[in-house]
Protein backbone atom coordinates (compact mmCIF):
# COMPACT_ATOMS: atom_id res chain seq x y z
CA MET A 1 -88.90 23.30 -14.47
CA GLU A 2 -87.00 26.49 -15.02
CA SER A 3 -85.30 26.14 -11.63
CA ILE A 4 -84.25 22.61 -12.44
CA ASN A 5 -82.60 23.76 -15.66
CA LEU A 6 -80.70 26.39 -13.71
CA VAL A 7 -79.30 23.74 -11.33
CA LYS A 8 -78.26 21.48 -14.18
CA GLY A 9 -76.51 24.33 -15.90
CA TYR A 10 -74.60 25.53 -12.82
CA GLY A 11 -70.85 25.52 -13.27
CA LYS A 12 -70.94 25.27 -17.08
CA VAL A 13 -69.55 28.14 -19.06
CA ASN A 14 -70.10 28.79 -22.68
CA PRO A 15 -66.78 28.37 -24.46
CA SER A 16 -67.44 31.56 -26.30
CA GLU A 17 -67.57 33.35 -22.94
CA ASP A 18 -64.37 31.75 -21.40
CA PRO A 19 -61.52 34.29 -21.45
CA SER A 20 -58.90 31.53 -21.19
CA SER A 21 -60.05 30.05 -24.47
CA TYR A 22 -59.09 33.13 -26.44
CA SER A 23 -56.01 32.64 -28.59
CA ASN A 24 -52.89 34.48 -27.20
CA PRO A 25 -49.77 33.70 -29.28
CA ARG A 26 -47.50 35.98 -27.19
CA ALA A 27 -48.46 34.26 -23.92
CA ALA A 28 -47.94 30.79 -25.42
CA HIS A 29 -44.54 31.77 -26.80
CA LYS A 30 -43.51 33.23 -23.43
CA SER A 31 -44.58 30.06 -21.67
CA ARG A 32 -42.57 27.85 -24.04
CA LEU A 33 -39.53 30.12 -23.64
CA THR A 34 -39.74 29.93 -19.85
CA ILE A 35 -39.88 26.14 -19.96
CA ALA A 36 -36.91 25.98 -22.36
CA VAL A 37 -34.79 28.29 -20.18
CA SER A 38 -35.66 26.27 -17.07
CA LEU A 39 -34.69 23.00 -18.76
CA THR A 40 -31.42 24.49 -20.03
CA LEU A 41 -30.54 25.76 -16.56
CA PHE A 42 -31.35 22.40 -15.01
CA LEU A 43 -29.22 20.50 -17.54
CA THR A 44 -26.33 22.94 -17.08
CA LEU A 45 -26.38 22.52 -13.30
CA PHE A 46 -26.62 18.75 -13.66
CA ILE A 47 -23.64 18.59 -16.04
CA CYS A 48 -21.54 20.86 -13.81
CA ALA A 49 -22.32 18.70 -10.79
CA PHE A 50 -21.41 15.55 -12.70
CA VAL A 51 -18.13 16.97 -14.00
CA GLY A 52 -17.24 18.27 -10.54
CA ALA A 53 -17.82 14.86 -8.99
CA PHE A 54 -15.71 13.21 -11.69
CA ILE A 55 -12.81 15.61 -11.17
CA HIS A 56 -12.99 15.14 -7.40
CA ALA A 57 -12.90 11.36 -7.80
CA SER A 58 -9.93 11.60 -10.15
CA ASP A 59 -8.07 13.86 -7.74
CA SER A 60 -8.75 11.47 -4.89
CA ASP A 61 -7.28 8.54 -6.82
CA GLY A 62 -3.99 10.11 -7.78
CA ARG A 63 -3.84 13.72 -6.77
CA THR A 64 -0.75 15.87 -6.42
CA PRO A 65 -0.91 17.36 -2.93
CA SER A 66 -0.82 21.16 -2.92
CA PRO A 67 1.24 23.10 -0.37
CA SER A 68 -1.95 23.54 1.65
CA SER A 69 -2.70 19.79 1.77
CA SER A 70 -2.64 18.43 5.29
CA SER A 71 0.31 16.33 6.32
CA ALA A 72 -2.05 13.51 7.26
CA ASP A 73 -3.57 13.38 3.76
CA SER A 74 -0.12 13.37 2.19
CA LEU A 75 1.01 10.60 4.53
CA LYS A 76 -1.99 8.48 3.53
CA ILE A 77 -0.96 8.80 -0.11
CA VAL A 78 2.55 7.60 0.75
CA CYS A 79 1.40 4.74 2.98
CA ALA A 80 -1.03 3.54 0.32
CA VAL A 81 1.91 1.95 -1.54
CA THR A 82 2.70 -0.36 1.41
CA GLN A 83 1.22 -3.72 2.41
CA HIS A 84 0.54 -2.42 5.92
CA PRO A 85 -0.84 1.13 5.51
CA GLY A 86 -2.20 1.19 9.05
CA SER A 87 1.11 0.52 10.79
CA CYS A 88 2.82 2.77 8.24
CA PHE A 89 0.58 5.70 9.11
CA ASP A 90 0.82 5.14 12.87
CA SER A 91 4.61 4.75 12.95
CA ILE A 92 5.31 7.82 10.82
CA SER A 93 2.64 10.12 12.24
CA SER A 94 4.04 9.57 15.75
CA LEU A 95 7.29 11.18 14.54
CA ASN A 96 5.70 13.70 12.20
CA SER A 97 4.06 16.04 14.72
CA THR A 98 6.32 18.99 13.86
CA SER A 99 6.47 18.50 10.10
CA THR A 100 4.25 20.78 8.02
CA LYS A 101 5.60 20.24 4.49
CA PRO A 102 4.37 17.13 2.66
CA ASP A 103 7.54 15.34 1.56
CA PRO A 104 7.87 11.64 0.66
CA GLU A 105 11.60 11.71 1.47
CA GLN A 106 10.85 13.01 4.96
CA PHE A 107 8.20 10.34 5.44
CA LEU A 108 10.73 7.72 4.33
CA ASN A 109 13.17 9.05 6.91
CA PHE A 110 10.55 8.82 9.65
CA SER A 111 9.61 5.28 8.59
CA LEU A 112 13.24 4.23 8.78
CA GLN A 113 13.66 5.88 12.19
CA ALA A 114 10.62 4.01 13.49
CA THR A 115 12.04 0.76 12.11
CA VAL A 116 15.42 1.28 13.77
CA LYS A 117 13.77 2.10 17.09
CA GLU A 118 11.49 -0.94 16.97
CA LEU A 119 14.32 -3.33 16.12
CA THR A 120 16.49 -1.77 18.83
CA ASP A 121 13.71 -2.34 21.37
CA ILE A 122 13.50 -6.08 20.58
CA SER A 123 17.23 -6.70 20.02
CA SER A 124 17.64 -7.87 23.62
CA LEU A 125 14.78 -10.37 23.28
CA PRO A 126 16.95 -13.42 22.37
CA LYS A 127 19.25 -12.88 25.35
CA THR A 128 16.28 -12.50 27.67
CA LEU A 129 14.71 -15.73 26.41
CA ILE A 130 17.99 -17.68 26.65
CA SER A 131 18.06 -17.00 30.39
CA LYS A 132 14.60 -18.55 30.75
CA ILE A 133 14.94 -21.84 28.84
CA ASN A 134 17.14 -24.92 29.06
CA ASP A 135 16.34 -26.45 25.66
CA PRO A 136 19.73 -26.73 23.83
CA GLY A 137 18.21 -26.44 20.37
CA THR A 138 16.28 -23.31 21.25
CA VAL A 139 19.30 -21.77 22.96
CA SER A 140 21.42 -22.39 19.87
CA ALA A 141 18.80 -20.82 17.59
CA LEU A 142 18.41 -17.82 19.90
CA LYS A 143 22.18 -17.24 19.85
CA ASP A 144 21.95 -17.10 16.08
CA CYS A 145 19.11 -14.62 16.45
CA ILE A 146 21.33 -12.35 18.53
CA SER A 147 23.88 -12.01 15.73
CA LEU A 148 21.14 -11.79 13.09
CA PHE A 149 19.39 -8.96 14.94
CA ASP A 150 22.70 -7.12 15.32
CA ASP A 151 23.36 -7.48 11.60
CA ALA A 152 19.87 -6.27 10.72
CA LEU A 153 20.28 -3.23 12.95
CA SER A 154 23.62 -2.47 11.30
CA GLN A 155 22.01 -2.63 7.85
CA LEU A 156 19.24 -0.27 8.89
CA ASN A 157 21.67 2.20 10.47
CA GLN A 158 23.67 2.26 7.26
CA SER A 159 20.50 3.15 5.40
CA ALA A 160 19.66 5.88 7.90
CA GLU A 161 23.11 7.42 7.46
CA LEU A 162 22.46 7.90 3.76
CA LEU A 163 19.48 10.11 4.57
CA ASN A 164 21.50 12.38 6.86
CA VAL A 165 22.71 15.00 4.38
CA GLY A 166 23.90 18.57 4.63
CA THR A 167 22.11 21.67 3.44
CA GLY A 168 21.70 21.71 -0.30
CA GLU A 169 22.50 18.01 -0.69
CA SER A 170 20.01 15.57 -2.15
CA ALA A 171 18.77 13.06 0.39
CA LEU A 172 18.06 10.51 -2.30
CA THR A 173 19.86 9.58 -5.49
CA VAL A 174 19.36 6.56 -7.69
CA MET A 175 22.49 4.97 -6.22
CA LYS A 176 21.37 5.63 -2.65
CA VAL A 177 18.00 4.04 -3.34
CA LYS A 178 19.65 0.89 -4.70
CA ASN A 179 21.97 0.59 -1.68
CA MET A 180 19.16 1.13 0.79
CA GLN A 181 16.98 -1.44 -0.96
CA THR A 182 19.80 -3.98 -0.62
CA TRP A 183 20.42 -3.26 3.05
CA ILE A 184 16.78 -3.18 4.14
CA SER A 185 16.08 -6.40 2.22
CA ALA A 186 19.06 -8.00 4.00
CA ALA A 187 17.69 -6.86 7.37
CA MET A 188 14.34 -8.48 6.57
CA THR A 189 16.14 -11.69 5.60
CA ASP A 190 17.98 -11.67 8.94
CA GLN A 191 14.71 -11.70 10.85
CA ASP A 192 13.26 -14.42 8.66
CA THR A 193 16.40 -16.51 9.18
CA CYS A 194 16.04 -16.14 12.96
CA LEU A 195 12.47 -17.44 12.83
CA GLU A 196 13.40 -20.27 10.48
CA GLY A 197 16.14 -21.41 12.90
CA LEU A 198 13.68 -21.57 15.78
CA ASP A 199 11.23 -23.44 13.58
CA GLU A 200 13.83 -26.02 12.55
CA MET A 201 14.65 -26.66 16.20
CA GLY A 202 10.99 -27.12 17.03
CA SER A 203 11.34 -24.38 19.62
CA PRO A 204 8.35 -23.73 21.88
CA LEU A 205 9.34 -20.04 21.76
CA LEU A 206 8.78 -19.66 18.02
CA GLY A 207 5.30 -18.19 18.42
CA GLU A 208 6.45 -15.67 21.04
CA VAL A 209 9.44 -14.49 19.01
CA LYS A 210 7.37 -14.28 15.82
CA ALA A 211 4.77 -12.11 17.58
CA ARG A 212 7.43 -9.83 19.05
CA VAL A 213 9.20 -9.20 15.75
CA GLN A 214 6.02 -8.76 13.70
CA LYS A 215 5.91 -5.00 14.10
CA ALA A 216 9.57 -4.62 13.11
CA LYS A 217 8.95 -6.80 10.05
CA GLU A 218 5.99 -4.63 9.03
CA TYR A 219 8.00 -1.44 9.52
CA MET A 220 10.83 -2.77 7.37
CA SER A 221 8.35 -3.85 4.70
CA ASN A 222 6.73 -0.39 4.76
CA THR A 223 10.06 1.39 4.49
CA LEU A 224 11.16 -0.79 1.59
CA ALA A 225 7.84 -0.24 -0.22
CA ILE A 226 8.06 3.55 0.15
CA LEU A 227 11.65 3.46 -1.05
CA SER A 228 10.84 1.28 -4.05
CA ASN A 229 7.95 3.57 -5.04
CA MET A 230 9.85 6.79 -4.39
CA PRO A 231 10.14 7.91 -8.05
CA ASN A 232 6.35 7.73 -8.52
CA LEU A 233 5.68 9.33 -5.13
CA LEU A 234 8.03 12.22 -5.85
CA LYS A 235 6.29 12.74 -9.19
CA LYS A 236 2.92 12.93 -7.42
CA PHE A 237 4.31 15.58 -5.09
CA GLY A 238 5.96 17.51 -7.92
CA ILE A 239 9.50 16.68 -6.78
CA SER A 240 12.28 15.25 -8.95
CA MET A 241 14.94 12.74 -7.89
CA HIS A 242 18.54 13.68 -8.64
């Protein structure tokens, strides 16, 4: 019976003999202090991470590019004000390979150059199509398109001349912006008028002409949008307009 009692009592310790049961105020206080410090450190790291993420998000929404910002990032900020940011980025970046300084005025200049080049490339389109069709109505509308394209190109070249300034001169002034807005808007109207003429004549070439001028229309729209938003863009880049 004595052996049975020993088995039943195996593993049980008399509380009075358990060292861990002794009261130790210093150890308990140290334990609580460790937990408090750990929690404080955790909360501090969490708050810092949260604030850092918030600042990063704010900078991404409307940041002012620093001198070290990449040209591509700066260009994305500029093209974000347009209705066609993709074509805006592609047209300007193709001319921006040597530019290292983020500058909205320079991007505007590149956008206008791309627009002039695109319209120049399609300016011979009406003449080419006239030689391939015998429909009198379509021929008449295409002849109008020839003069309308020439007028649009003239308006764009006038705008480009305003951006060609000497050393120390301001590329953009309030008056220049107003004139360029007028001329670029007129160039866009010229292209729309060409398409409307073909539509009125029921021309079978309307779809082809519309597709060919689409890129030029987008480029003009992009240039006009950048120009119209120039004051805000310059402010983002820390530049003032004279």
